[in-house]
C-alpha atoms as a PDB file:
ATOM      1  CA  MET A   1       1.185 -20.401  -1.099  1.00  0.00           C
ATOM      2  CA  ASN A   2      -0.797 -17.064  -0.884  1.00  0.00           C
ATOM      3  CA  ILE A   3      -3.133 -16.255  -3.413  1.00  0.00           C
ATOM      4  CA  ASN A   4      -5.035 -12.841  -2.992  1.00  0.00           C
ATOM      5  CA  VAL A   5      -7.688 -12.134  -5.202  1.00  0.00           C
ATOM      6  CA  LEU A   6      -9.044  -8.464  -6.268  1.00  0.00           C
ATOM      7  CA  SER A   7     -12.687  -8.384  -7.172  1.00  0.00           C
ATOM      8  CA  LEU A   8     -15.458  -5.826  -7.243  1.00  0.00           C
ATOM      9  CA  PHE A   9     -17.688  -8.560  -5.853  1.00  0.00           C
ATOM     10  CA  PRO A  10     -16.028 -10.716  -3.544  1.00  0.00           C
ATOM     11  CA  PRO A  11     -19.106 -12.360  -1.865  1.00  0.00           C
ATOM     12  CA  MET A  12     -18.647 -14.561  -4.644  1.00  0.00           C
ATOM     13  CA  PHE A  13     -16.017 -16.341  -3.845  1.00  0.00           C
ATOM     14  CA  GLU A  14     -17.545 -17.107  -0.510  1.00  0.00           C
ATOM     15  CA  GLY A  15     -18.982 -20.527  -1.438  1.00  0.00           C
ATOM     16  CA  VAL A  16     -16.163 -21.557  -3.631  1.00  0.00           C
ATOM     17  CA  PHE A  17     -13.761 -21.058  -1.215  1.00  0.00           C
ATOM     18  CA  GLN A  18     -15.287 -22.457   1.845  1.00  0.00           C
ATOM     19  CA  HIS A  19     -16.330 -26.172   0.413  1.00  0.00           C
ATOM     20  CA  SER A  20     -14.510 -28.623  -1.136  1.00  0.00           C
ATOM     21  CA  ILE A  21     -10.697 -29.145  -1.898  1.00  0.00           C
ATOM     22  CA  MET A  22     -10.458 -25.605  -1.370  1.00  0.00           C
ATOM     23  CA  LYS A  23     -11.869 -25.771   1.950  1.00  0.00           C
ATOM     24  CA  LYS A  24      -9.373 -28.770   2.878  1.00  0.00           C
ATOM     25  CA  ALA A  25      -6.181 -27.057   1.012  1.00  0.00           C
ATOM     26  CA  GLN A  26      -6.671 -23.952   3.617  1.00  0.00           C
ATOM     27  CA  GLU A  27      -7.343 -26.481   6.681  1.00  0.00           C
ATOM     28  CA  LYS A  28      -4.255 -28.302   5.826  1.00  0.00           C
ATOM     29  CA  ASN A  29      -2.336 -24.770   5.427  1.00  0.00           C
ATOM     30  CA  ALA A  30      -1.535 -25.133   1.862  1.00  0.00           C
ATOM     31  CA  VAL A  31      -2.614 -22.075   0.816  1.00  0.00           C
ATOM     32  CA  SER A  32      -4.146 -18.866   2.016  1.00  0.00           C
ATOM     33  CA  LEU A  33      -7.071 -17.431   0.178  1.00  0.00           C
ATOM     34  CA  ASN A  34      -7.446 -13.623   0.816  1.00  0.00           C
ATOM     35  CA  VAL A  35     -10.270 -11.481  -1.337  1.00  0.00           C
ATOM     36  CA  VAL A  36     -10.002  -7.977  -1.529  1.00  0.00           C
ATOM     37  CA  ASP A  37     -12.620  -4.961  -2.161  1.00  0.00           C
ATOM     38  CA  ILE A  38     -11.168  -2.957  -5.567  1.00  0.00           C
ATOM     39  CA  ARG A  39     -13.615  -0.294  -4.037  1.00  0.00           C
ATOM     40  CA  GLU A  40     -11.748   0.010  -0.877  1.00  0.00           C
ATOM     41  CA  PHE A  41      -8.472   1.646  -2.679  1.00  0.00           C
ATOM     42  CA  ALA A  42     -10.896   3.835  -4.800  1.00  0.00           C
ATOM     43  CA  ASP A  43      -9.650   7.606  -4.254  1.00  0.00           C
ATOM     44  CA  ASN A  44     -13.101   8.694  -4.932  1.00  0.00           C
ATOM     45  CA  LYS A  45     -16.079   7.663  -3.332  1.00  0.00           C
ATOM     46  CA  ARG A  46     -15.620   4.163  -3.774  1.00  0.00           C
ATOM     47  CA  GLN A  47     -15.632   5.053  -8.023  1.00  0.00           C
ATOM     48  CA  VAL A  48     -13.643   2.557  -9.777  1.00  0.00           C
ATOM     49  CA  ASP A  49     -14.499   3.191 -13.378  1.00  0.00           C
ATOM     50  CA  ASP A  50     -15.240   5.715 -15.980  1.00  0.00           C
ATOM     51  CA  TYR A  51     -16.068   6.346 -19.477  1.00  0.00           C
ATOM     52  CA  PRO A  52     -13.646   5.913 -22.345  1.00  0.00           C
ATOM     53  CA  PHE A  53     -11.512   8.587 -23.852  1.00  0.00           C
ATOM     54  CA  GLY A  54     -12.415   8.622 -27.371  1.00  0.00           C
ATOM     55  CA  GLY A  55     -16.190   7.456 -26.693  1.00  0.00           C
ATOM     56  CA  GLY A  56     -17.688   4.414 -27.193  1.00  0.00           C
ATOM     57  CA  ALA A  57     -20.042   2.052 -25.018  1.00  0.00           C
ATOM     58  CA  GLY A  58     -19.391   0.636 -21.810  1.00  0.00           C
ATOM     59  CA  MET A  59     -17.157   1.688 -18.501  1.00  0.00           C
ATOM     60  CA  VAL A  60     -13.551   0.748 -18.155  1.00  0.00           C
ATOM     61  CA  LEU A  61     -11.930  -0.015 -14.809  1.00  0.00           C
ATOM     62  CA  LYS A  62      -9.903   2.875 -13.225  1.00  0.00           C
ATOM     63  CA  PRO A  63      -5.982   2.481 -12.901  1.00  0.00           C
ATOM     64  CA  GLU A  64      -5.732   3.972  -9.639  1.00  0.00           C
ATOM     65  CA  PRO A  65      -7.957   1.588  -7.545  1.00  0.00           C
ATOM     66  CA  ILE A  66      -6.360  -1.633  -9.256  1.00  0.00           C
ATOM     67  CA  PHE A  67      -2.475   0.198  -8.685  1.00  0.00           C
ATOM     68  CA  ASN A  68      -3.740   0.883  -4.894  1.00  0.00           C
ATOM     69  CA  ALA A  69      -4.449  -2.662  -4.343  1.00  0.00           C
ATOM     70  CA  VAL A  70      -1.968  -4.553  -5.862  1.00  0.00           C
ATOM     71  CA  GLU A  71       0.772  -2.388  -4.465  1.00  0.00           C
ATOM     72  CA  SER A  72      -0.992  -2.761  -0.573  1.00  0.00           C
ATOM     73  CA  LEU A  73      -0.361  -6.513  -0.874  1.00  0.00           C
ATOM     74  CA  THR A  74       3.211  -6.390  -2.674  1.00  0.00           C
ATOM     75  CA  GLN A  75       5.121  -3.613  -0.259  1.00  0.00           C
ATOM     76  CA  GLU A  76       7.147  -6.859   1.299  1.00  0.00           C
ATOM     77  CA  SER A  77       6.968  -9.171  -2.001  1.00  0.00           C
ATOM     78  CA  THR A  78       6.904  -9.658  -5.922  1.00  0.00           C
ATOM     79  CA  PRO A  79       4.306 -11.951  -6.660  1.00  0.00           C
ATOM     80  CA  ARG A  80       2.922 -12.762 -10.262  1.00  0.00           C
ATOM     81  CA  VAL A  81       0.020 -10.266 -11.173  1.00  0.00           C
ATOM     82  CA  ILE A  82      -2.648 -12.049 -13.259  1.00  0.00           C
ATOM     83  CA  LEU A  83      -5.207 -10.132 -15.263  1.00  0.00           C
ATOM     84  CA  MET A  84      -8.092 -12.745 -16.105  1.00  0.00           C
ATOM     85  CA  CYS A  85      -9.220 -11.219 -19.402  1.00  0.00           C
ATOM     86  CA  PRO A  86     -10.030 -12.731 -22.937  1.00  0.00           C
ATOM     87  CA  GLN A  87      -7.312 -11.170 -24.836  1.00  0.00           C
ATOM     88  CA  GLY A  88      -5.183 -13.227 -22.329  1.00  0.00           C
ATOM     89  CA  GLU A  89      -3.556 -16.374 -22.855  1.00  0.00           C
ATOM     90  CA  ARG A  90      -5.259 -19.469 -23.101  1.00  0.00           C
ATOM     91  CA  PHE A  91      -5.296 -21.491 -19.774  1.00  0.00           C
ATOM     92  CA  THR A  92      -3.475 -24.850 -19.951  1.00  0.00           C
ATOM     93  CA  GLN A  93      -2.696 -27.603 -17.392  1.00  0.00           C
ATOM     94  CA  GLN A  94       0.988 -26.671 -17.880  1.00  0.00           C
ATOM     95  CA  LYS A  95      -0.025 -23.034 -16.830  1.00  0.00           C
ATOM     96  CA  ALA A  96      -1.499 -24.243 -13.657  1.00  0.00           C
ATOM     97  CA  GLU A  97       1.498 -26.293 -12.899  1.00  0.00           C
ATOM     98  CA  GLU A  98       3.442 -23.253 -13.490  1.00  0.00           C
ATOM     99  CA  LEU A  99       1.627 -21.231 -11.295  1.00  0.00           C
ATOM    100  CA  ALA A 100       1.107 -23.873  -8.943  1.00  0.00           C
ATOM    101  CA  ALA A 101       5.062 -23.559  -7.862  1.00  0.00           C
ATOM    102  CA  GLU A 102       4.874 -19.712  -6.991  1.00  0.00           C
ATOM    103  CA  LYS A 103       4.893 -19.017  -3.456  1.00  0.00           C
ATOM    104  CA  GLU A 104       2.275 -15.953  -4.162  1.00  0.00           C
ATOM    105  CA  LEU A 105      -0.234 -14.968  -7.156  1.00  0.00           C
ATOM    106  CA  VAL A 106      -2.308 -12.063  -7.242  1.00  0.00           C
ATOM    107  CA  PHE A 107      -5.427 -12.097  -9.276  1.00  0.00           C
ATOM    108  CA  ILE A 108      -7.578  -9.037 -11.040  1.00  0.00           C
ATOM    109  CA  CYS A 109     -11.157  -9.528 -11.794  1.00  0.00           C
ATOM    110  CA  GLY A 110     -12.761  -7.031 -14.422  1.00  0.00           C
ATOM    111  CA  HIS A 111     -15.881  -6.168 -14.927  1.00  0.00           C
ATOM    112  CA  TYR A 112     -17.571  -3.581 -17.314  1.00  0.00           C
ATOM    113  CA  GLU A 113     -16.286  -2.877 -20.916  1.00  0.00           C
ATOM    114  CA  GLY A 114     -12.378  -3.583 -19.774  1.00  0.00           C
ATOM    115  CA  TYR A 115      -9.468  -2.295 -18.181  1.00  0.00           C
ATOM    116  CA  ASP A 116      -7.677   1.293 -18.238  1.00  0.00           C
ATOM    117  CA  GLU A 117      -4.386   0.101 -20.695  1.00  0.00           C
ATOM    118  CA  ARG A 118      -1.807   1.074 -18.116  1.00  0.00           C
ATOM    119  CA  ILE A 119      -2.996  -1.648 -15.993  1.00  0.00           C
ATOM    120  CA  ARG A 120      -1.547  -3.866 -18.729  1.00  0.00           C
ATOM    121  CA  GLU A 121       1.277  -2.219 -19.633  1.00  0.00           C
ATOM    122  CA  HIS A 122       2.804  -1.173 -15.696  1.00  0.00           C
ATOM    123  CA  LEU A 123       1.589  -3.710 -13.252  1.00  0.00           C
ATOM    124  CA  VAL A 124       0.412  -7.450 -14.443  1.00  0.00           C
ATOM    125  CA  THR A 125       2.796  -9.792 -15.369  1.00  0.00           C
ATOM    126  CA  ASP A 126       0.593 -12.517 -16.805  1.00  0.00           C
ATOM    127  CA  GLU A 127      -2.851 -12.061 -18.849  1.00  0.00           C
ATOM    128  CA  ILE A 128      -4.998 -15.392 -18.969  1.00  0.00           C
ATOM    129  CA  SER A 129      -8.232 -16.387 -20.490  1.00  0.00           C
ATOM    130  CA  ILE A 130     -10.370 -19.387 -19.940  1.00  0.00           C
ATOM    131  CA  GLY A 131     -11.665 -19.835 -23.595  1.00  0.00           C
ATOM    132  CA  ASP A 132     -12.495 -17.769 -26.770  1.00  0.00           C
ATOM    133  CA  PHE A 133     -16.086 -16.278 -24.944  1.00  0.00           C
ATOM    134  CA  VAL A 134     -16.830 -13.222 -22.593  1.00  0.00           C
ATOM    135  CA  LEU A 135     -18.357 -13.700 -19.400  1.00  0.00           C
ATOM    136  CA  THR A 136     -19.670 -10.730 -17.269  1.00  0.00           C
ATOM    137  CA  GLY A 137     -16.674 -10.379 -15.155  1.00  0.00           C
ATOM    138  CA  GLY A 138     -13.416 -12.201 -14.443  1.00  0.00           C
ATOM    139  CA  GLU A 139     -14.733 -13.917 -11.043  1.00  0.00           C
ATOM    140  CA  LEU A 140     -15.793 -17.345 -12.439  1.00  0.00           C
ATOM    141  CA  ALA A 141     -12.706 -17.617 -14.386  1.00  0.00           C
ATOM    142  CA  ALA A 142     -10.605 -16.691 -11.644  1.00  0.00           C
ATOM    143  CA  MET A 143     -12.246 -19.421  -9.647  1.00  0.00           C
ATOM    144  CA  THR A 144     -11.419 -21.875 -11.940  1.00  0.00           C
ATOM    145  CA  VAL A 145      -8.303 -21.034 -12.508  1.00  0.00           C
ATOM    146  CA  ILE A 146      -7.664 -20.701  -8.581  1.00  0.00           C
ATOM    147  CA  ASP A 147      -9.258 -24.535  -8.301  1.00  0.00           C
ATOM    148  CA  SER A 148      -7.141 -26.076 -11.037  1.00  0.00           C
ATOM    149  CA  ILE A 149      -4.010 -24.222  -9.072  1.00  0.00           C
ATOM    150  CA  VAL A 150      -4.634 -25.037  -5.764  1.00  0.00           C
ATOM    151  CA  ARG A 151      -5.262 -28.853  -6.105  1.00  0.00           C
ATOM    152  CA  LEU A 152      -2.204 -29.153  -7.383  1.00  0.00           C
ATOM    153  CA  LEU A 153      -0.225 -28.359  -4.341  1.00  0.00           C
ATOM    154  CA  PRO A 154       1.847 -31.121  -2.401  1.00  0.00           C
ATOM    155  CA  GLY A 155      -0.985 -32.581   0.059  1.00  0.00           C
ATOM    156  CA  VAL A 156      -4.120 -31.007  -1.103  1.00  0.00           C
ATOM    157  CA  LEU A 157      -5.228 -34.259  -2.546  1.00  0.00           C
ATOM    158  CA  GLY A 158      -5.635 -37.371  -1.098  1.00  0.00           C
ATOM    159  CA  ASN A 159      -3.685 -39.513  -3.611  1.00  0.00           C
ATOM    160  CA  ALA A 160      -0.762 -37.923  -4.963  1.00  0.00           C
ATOM    161  CA  ASP A 161      -0.919 -39.720  -8.309  1.00  0.00           C
ATOM    162  CA  SER A 162      -4.495 -37.962  -8.757  1.00  0.00           C
ATOM    163  CA  PRO A 163      -2.996 -34.818 -10.269  1.00  0.00           C
ATOM    164  CA  VAL A 164      -0.121 -36.532 -12.328  1.00  0.00           C
ATOM    165  CA  ARG A 165      -2.737 -38.416 -14.193  1.00  0.00           C
ATOM    166  CA  ASP A 166      -5.391 -36.227 -15.188  1.00  0.00           C
ATOM    167  CA  SER A 167      -6.301 -35.257 -18.405  1.00  0.00           C
ATOM    168  CA  PHE A 168      -3.781 -32.932 -19.753  1.00  0.00           C
ATOM    169  CA  SER A 169      -1.376 -32.819 -17.401  1.00  0.00           C
ATOM    170  CA  THR A 170       0.609 -35.961 -19.787  1.00  0.00           C
ATOM    171  CA  GLY A 171      -0.664 -33.681 -23.130  1.00  0.00           C
ATOM    172  CA  LEU A 172      -3.475 -36.899 -23.064  1.00  0.00           C
ATOM    173  CA  LEU A 173      -7.093 -37.065 -22.382  1.00  0.00           C
ATOM    174  CA  GLU A 174      -7.491 -39.735 -19.348  1.00  0.00           C
ATOM    175  CA  HIS A 175      -8.377 -43.046 -20.109  1.00  0.00           C
ATOM    176  CA  PRO A 176     -11.862 -44.042 -18.743  1.00  0.00           C
ATOM    177  CA  GLN A 177     -12.374 -45.330 -14.894  1.00  0.00           C
ATOM    178  CA  TYR A 178     -14.983 -47.568 -13.655  1.00  0.00           C
ATOM    179  CA  THR A 179     -15.964 -48.598  -9.807  1.00  0.00           C
ATOM    180  CA  ARG A 180     -18.449 -51.327  -8.251  1.00  0.00           C
ATOM    181  CA  PRO A 181     -21.088 -52.773  -9.382  1.00  0.00           C
ATOM    182  CA  ALA A 182     -19.019 -54.730 -11.708  1.00  0.00           C
ATOM    183  CA  GLU A 183     -22.288 -54.698 -13.627  1.00  0.00           C
ATOM    184  CA  PHE A 184     -25.163 -52.372 -13.750  1.00  0.00           C
ATOM    185  CA  ARG A 185     -28.306 -52.564 -15.660  1.00  0.00           C
ATOM    186  CA  GLY A 186     -26.476 -55.182 -18.065  1.00  0.00           C
ATOM    187  CA  TRP A 187     -23.482 -52.571 -18.309  1.00  0.00           C
ATOM    188  CA  LYS A 188     -19.906 -54.689 -17.465  1.00  0.00           C
ATOM    189  CA  VAL A 189     -16.642 -53.165 -16.399  1.00  0.00           C
ATOM    190  CA  PRO A 190     -14.404 -54.198 -18.987  1.00  0.00           C
ATOM    191  CA  GLU A 191     -12.913 -57.540 -18.040  1.00  0.00           C
ATOM    192  CA  VAL A 192      -9.166 -56.717 -17.902  1.00  0.00           C
ATOM    193  CA  LEU A 193      -9.925 -54.142 -15.291  1.00  0.00           C
ATOM    194  CA  THR A 194     -11.065 -57.173 -12.908  1.00  0.00           C
ATOM    195  CA  SER A 195      -8.520 -59.568 -14.226  1.00  0.00           C
ATOM    196  CA  GLY A 196      -5.688 -58.583 -11.102  1.00  0.00           C
ATOM    197  CA  ASN A 197      -3.313 -58.108 -13.886  1.00  0.00           C
ATOM    198  CA  HIS A 198      -1.941 -55.035 -13.220  1.00  0.00           C
ATOM    199  CA  GLY A 199       0.640 -54.993 -16.461  1.00  0.00           C
ATOM    200  CA  LYS A 200      -2.373 -55.456 -18.879  1.00  0.00           C
ATOM    201  CA  VAL A 201      -4.348 -53.025 -16.775  1.00  0.00           C
ATOM    202  CA  ASP A 202      -1.746 -50.152 -17.650  1.00  0.00           C
ATOM    203  CA  GLN A 203      -1.763 -51.437 -21.290  1.00  0.00           C
ATOM    204  CA  TRP A 204      -5.489 -51.067 -21.470  1.00  0.00           C
ATOM    205  CA  ARG A 205      -5.358 -47.709 -20.111  1.00  0.00           C
ATOM    206  CA  GLU A 206      -2.774 -46.555 -22.485  1.00  0.00           C
ATOM    207  CA  GLU A 207      -4.126 -47.666 -25.282  1.00  0.00           C
ATOM    208  CA  GLN A 208      -7.565 -46.118 -23.964  1.00  0.00           C
ATOM    209  CA  THR A 209      -5.832 -42.708 -23.424  1.00  0.00           C
ATOM    210  CA  LEU A 210      -4.605 -43.086 -26.882  1.00  0.00           C
ATOM    211  CA  LYS A 211      -8.026 -43.938 -28.248  1.00  0.00           C
ATOM    212  CA  ARG A 212      -9.879 -41.281 -26.427  1.00  0.00           C
ATOM    213  CA  THR A 213      -7.436 -38.268 -27.085  1.00  0.00           C
ATOM    214  CA  LEU A 214      -7.716 -39.684 -31.211  1.00  0.00           C
ATOM    215  CA  GLU A 215     -11.543 -39.395 -31.261  1.00  0.00           C
ATOM    216  CA  ARG A 216     -11.981 -36.246 -28.937  1.00  0.00           C
ATOM    217  CA  ARG A 217      -8.820 -34.076 -29.401  1.00  0.00           C
ATOM    218  CA  PRO A 218      -6.134 -35.343 -32.180  1.00  0.00           C
ATOM    219  CA  ASP A 219      -5.159 -32.071 -32.074  1.00  0.00           C
ATOM    220  CA  LEU A 220      -3.228 -32.844 -29.093  1.00  0.00           C
ATOM    221  CA  LEU A 221      -1.290 -35.716 -30.454  1.00  0.00           C
ATOM    222  CA  ASP A 222       0.432 -33.200 -32.656  1.00  0.00           C
ATOM    223  CA  LYS A 223       1.737 -31.338 -29.670  1.00  0.00           C
ATOM    224  CA  ILE A 224       3.401 -34.142 -27.807  1.00  0.00           C
ATOM    225  CA  GLU A 225       6.018 -36.225 -28.561  1.00  0.00           C
ATOM    226  CA  LEU A 226       4.987 -40.181 -28.930  1.00  0.00           C
ATOM    227  CA  ASN A 227       7.192 -43.073 -28.133  1.00  0.00           C
ATOM    228  CA  ASP A 228       7.734 -45.724 -30.568  1.00  0.00           C
ATOM    229  CA  LYS A 229       4.746 -48.271 -28.584  1.00  0.00           C
ATOM    230  CA  GLN A 230       2.435 -45.108 -28.574  1.00  0.00           C
ATOM    231  CA  GLN A 231       3.135 -44.277 -32.280  1.00  0.00           C
ATOM    232  CA  LYS A 232       2.327 -47.927 -33.019  1.00  0.00           C
ATOM    233  CA  ILE A 233      -0.924 -47.850 -30.887  1.00  0.00           C
ATOM    234  CA  ILE A 234      -2.160 -44.770 -32.882  1.00  0.00           C
ATOM    235  CA  ALA A 235      -1.925 -46.341 -36.184  1.00  0.00           C
ATOM    236  CA  GLN A 236      -3.519 -49.341 -35.109  1.00  0.00           C
ATOM    237  CA  LEU A 237      -6.428 -47.588 -33.956  1.00  0.00           C
ATOM    238  CA  LYS A 238      -6.722 -45.231 -37.269  1.00  0.00           C
ATOM    239  CA  LYS A 239      -6.919 -48.380 -39.551  1.00  0.00           C
ATOM    240  CA  GLN A 240      -9.586 -49.630 -37.136  1.00  0.00           C
ATOM    241  CA  LYS A 241     -11.862 -46.227 -38.144  1.00  0.00           C
END
């Protein structure tokens, strides 16, 4: 996969893209990450913003640099062009999985008061928000989205099952995890996990997944279709409350 990021502050991505899973993904040739300085595509002395027509606070990103930058990257392809914006679609694991199936993505990171509306109307294919809050710019949001996509690419994670079992991948929260030592400061790992009985372990994990989701994100249970076994577990958990 090829990922291009348009930003006014390219150095912000250096630490994120050069460490951990992102670095390994590039070393494995699973992804190519390229950060483009929007100012390099400005028509007039690197000016990328201007006052809004009609007045108002703040500055608005001009269309010319954004269009020029995206068009320079898409002369031979038609990738998804993603605008990072608090007004966009709420980002989910399902959206990450959808985007991970693409061969090329372009992210636009804004700053200041907002974007010229013509960028939304005539250039982008997707608008994404990572939550109902406002950041100084789109860089941190883009890093979050890109990280969630890259870890899903084939061969990036050591265990192919890891992303499949993550919270939200199944529509539910992940079950609790434990590792050695089996007892720490008097707190013991649940006995079932050291029993060696894989059937009981799987059953415990399913029950804990449902319990954790019911306790922390009950809204998720309304969005998925539970099988008969899961419905019985939920009913029992509700009786225990």
